[in-house]
Amino acid sequence: MKEELSLINWTSVLKGSVDECLERFKSVLLKLRDKFVPASVVKSKGKVPWMSYKAAKLVRKKHRWLSRSTRRIIGFVKGHRE
């Protein structure tokens, strides 16, 4: 990126009124950002700041039990239909 910045003709970019210079400067910076800054998606790990570790652990345990019981109920219903 440093090399790319050194290749820019800053005299032509910063020529004219202040508003024109600002627009051209922003344009240059945005092009460089698009070229050199990697775009990535930030994924949440599900950790919420207002919940303690112990409470989060209990919620996960509850979800596991609900999932297991739902699978058992579905299996029970399927077994009695036949």
C-alpha atoms as a PDB file:
ATOM      1  CA  MET A   1       0.000   0.000   0.000  1.00  0.00           C
ATOM      2  CA  LYS A   2       2.899   2.292   0.764  1.00  0.00           C
ATOM      3  CA  GLU A   3       4.219   1.832  -2.753  1.00  0.00           C
ATOM      4  CA  GLU A   4       0.804   2.534  -4.252  1.00  0.00           C
ATOM      5  CA  LEU A   5       0.549   5.762  -2.230  1.00  0.00           C
ATOM      6  CA  SER A   6       3.943   6.895  -3.472  1.00  0.00           C
ATOM      7  CA  LEU A   7       2.850   6.399  -7.106  1.00  0.00           C
ATOM      8  CA  ILE A   8      -0.090   8.809  -6.766  1.00  0.00           C
ATOM      9  CA  ASN A   9       0.381  12.279  -8.228  1.00  0.00           C
ATOM     10  CA  TRP A  10      -0.695  14.245  -5.157  1.00  0.00           C
ATOM     11  CA  THR A  11      -0.278  17.596  -6.910  1.00  0.00           C
ATOM     12  CA  SER A  12      -3.121  16.799  -9.292  1.00  0.00           C
ATOM     13  CA  VAL A  13      -5.246  15.247  -6.529  1.00  0.00           C
ATOM     14  CA  LEU A  14      -4.895  18.288  -4.282  1.00  0.00           C
ATOM     15  CA  LYS A  15      -5.466  20.906  -6.976  1.00  0.00           C
ATOM     16  CA  GLY A  16      -8.601  23.092  -7.020  1.00  0.00           C
ATOM     17  CA  SER A  17     -11.104  24.068  -4.358  1.00  0.00           C
ATOM     18  CA  VAL A  18     -11.089  22.507  -0.917  1.00  0.00           C
ATOM     19  CA  ASP A  19     -14.291  20.557  -1.608  1.00  0.00           C
ATOM     20  CA  GLU A  20     -12.923  19.121  -4.871  1.00  0.00           C
ATOM     21  CA  CYS A  21      -9.644  18.177  -3.182  1.00  0.00           C
ATOM     22  CA  LEU A  22     -11.488  16.480  -0.358  1.00  0.00           C
ATOM     23  CA  GLU A  23     -13.636  14.445  -2.764  1.00  0.00           C
ATOM     24  CA  ARG A  24     -10.615  13.329  -4.810  1.00  0.00           C
ATOM     25  CA  PHE A  25      -8.652  12.510  -1.627  1.00  0.00           C
ATOM     26  CA  LYS A  26     -11.559  10.428  -0.284  1.00  0.00           C
ATOM     27  CA  SER A  27     -11.860   8.694  -3.631  1.00  0.00           C
ATOM     28  CA  VAL A  28      -8.174   7.748  -3.589  1.00  0.00           C
ATOM     29  CA  LEU A  29      -8.386   6.459  -0.027  1.00  0.00           C
ATOM     30  CA  LEU A  30     -11.532   4.429  -0.689  1.00  0.00           C
ATOM     31  CA  LYS A  31      -9.983   2.821  -3.775  1.00  0.00           C
ATOM     32  CA  LEU A  32      -6.911   1.877  -1.746  1.00  0.00           C
ATOM     33  CA  ARG A  33      -9.097   0.512   1.039  1.00  0.00           C
ATOM     34  CA  ASP A  34     -11.019  -1.642  -1.430  1.00  0.00           C
ATOM     35  CA  LYS A  35      -7.794  -2.885  -2.943  1.00  0.00           C
ATOM     36  CA  PHE A  36      -5.754  -3.620   0.199  1.00  0.00           C
ATOM     37  CA  VAL A  37      -8.070  -4.102   3.179  1.00  0.00           C
ATOM     38  CA  PRO A  38      -9.528  -7.606   3.262  1.00  0.00           C
ATOM     39  CA  ALA A  39     -13.277  -7.816   3.614  1.00  0.00           C
ATOM     40  CA  SER A  40     -14.355 -10.382   6.144  1.00  0.00           C
ATOM     41  CA  VAL A  41     -17.561 -11.268   7.892  1.00  0.00           C
ATOM     42  CA  VAL A  42     -17.425 -11.060  11.650  1.00  0.00           C
ATOM     43  CA  LYS A  43     -19.284 -13.933  13.239  1.00  0.00           C
ATOM     44  CA  SER A  44     -20.609 -13.778  16.726  1.00  0.00           C
ATOM     45  CA  LYS A  45     -19.704 -16.657  18.991  1.00  0.00           C
ATOM     46  CA  GLY A  46     -23.030 -16.352  20.758  1.00  0.00           C
ATOM     47  CA  LYS A  47     -21.495 -14.895  23.880  1.00  0.00           C
ATOM     48  CA  VAL A  48     -23.602 -12.127  25.308  1.00  0.00           C
ATOM     49  CA  PRO A  49     -21.998  -9.657  27.724  1.00  0.00           C
ATOM     50  CA  TRP A  50     -24.912  -9.548  30.166  1.00  0.00           C
ATOM     51  CA  MET A  51     -24.919 -13.289  30.824  1.00  0.00           C
ATOM     52  CA  SER A  52     -22.446 -14.913  33.181  1.00  0.00           C
ATOM     53  CA  TYR A  53     -20.508 -18.005  32.182  1.00  0.00           C
ATOM     54  CA  LYS A  54     -22.563 -20.132  34.558  1.00  0.00           C
ATOM     55  CA  ALA A  55     -25.892 -18.855  33.174  1.00  0.00           C
ATOM     56  CA  ALA A  56     -24.752 -19.435  29.588  1.00  0.00           C
ATOM     57  CA  LYS A  57     -23.699 -22.955  30.511  1.00  0.00           C
ATOM     58  CA  LEU A  58     -27.156 -23.636  31.972  1.00  0.00           C
ATOM     59  CA  VAL A  59     -28.845 -22.312  28.817  1.00  0.00           C
ATOM     60  CA  ARG A  60     -26.727 -24.618  26.650  1.00  0.00           C
ATOM     61  CA  LYS A  61     -27.622 -27.530  28.938  1.00  0.00           C
ATOM     62  CA  LYS A  62     -31.330 -26.677  28.629  1.00  0.00           C
ATOM     63  CA  HIS A  63     -31.078 -26.566  24.831  1.00  0.00           C
ATOM     64  CA  ARG A  64     -29.326 -29.940  24.768  1.00  0.00           C
ATOM     65  CA  TRP A  65     -32.062 -31.515  26.910  1.00  0.00           C
ATOM     66  CA  LEU A  66     -34.823 -29.979  24.779  1.00  0.00           C
ATOM     67  CA  SER A  67     -33.166 -31.260  21.628  1.00  0.00           C
ATOM     68  CA  ARG A  68     -32.817 -34.769  23.051  1.00  0.00           C
ATOM     69  CA  SER A  69     -36.382 -34.905  24.333  1.00  0.00           C
ATOM     70  CA  THR A  70     -37.741 -33.617  21.011  1.00  0.00           C
ATOM     71  CA  ARG A  71     -35.884 -36.361  19.160  1.00  0.00           C
ATOM     72  CA  ARG A  72     -37.279 -38.977  21.577  1.00  0.00           C
ATOM     73  CA  ILE A  73     -40.834 -37.696  21.163  1.00  0.00           C
ATOM     74  CA  ILE A  74     -40.537 -37.700  17.365  1.00  0.00           C
ATOM     75  CA  GLY A  75     -39.140 -41.251  17.472  1.00  0.00           C
ATOM     76  CA  PHE A  76     -41.955 -42.346  19.803  1.00  0.00           C
ATOM     77  CA  VAL A  77     -44.647 -40.867  17.533  1.00  0.00           C
ATOM     78  CA  LYS A  78     -43.098 -42.393  14.405  1.00  0.00           C
ATOM     79  CA  GLY A  79     -42.926 -45.791  16.130  1.00  0.00           C
ATOM     80  CA  HIS A  80     -46.626 -45.781  17.009  1.00  0.00           C
ATOM     81  CA  ARG A  81     -47.805 -44.762  13.560  1.00  0.00           C
ATOM     82  CA  GLU A  82     -46.596 -47.963  11.945  1.00  0.00           C
END
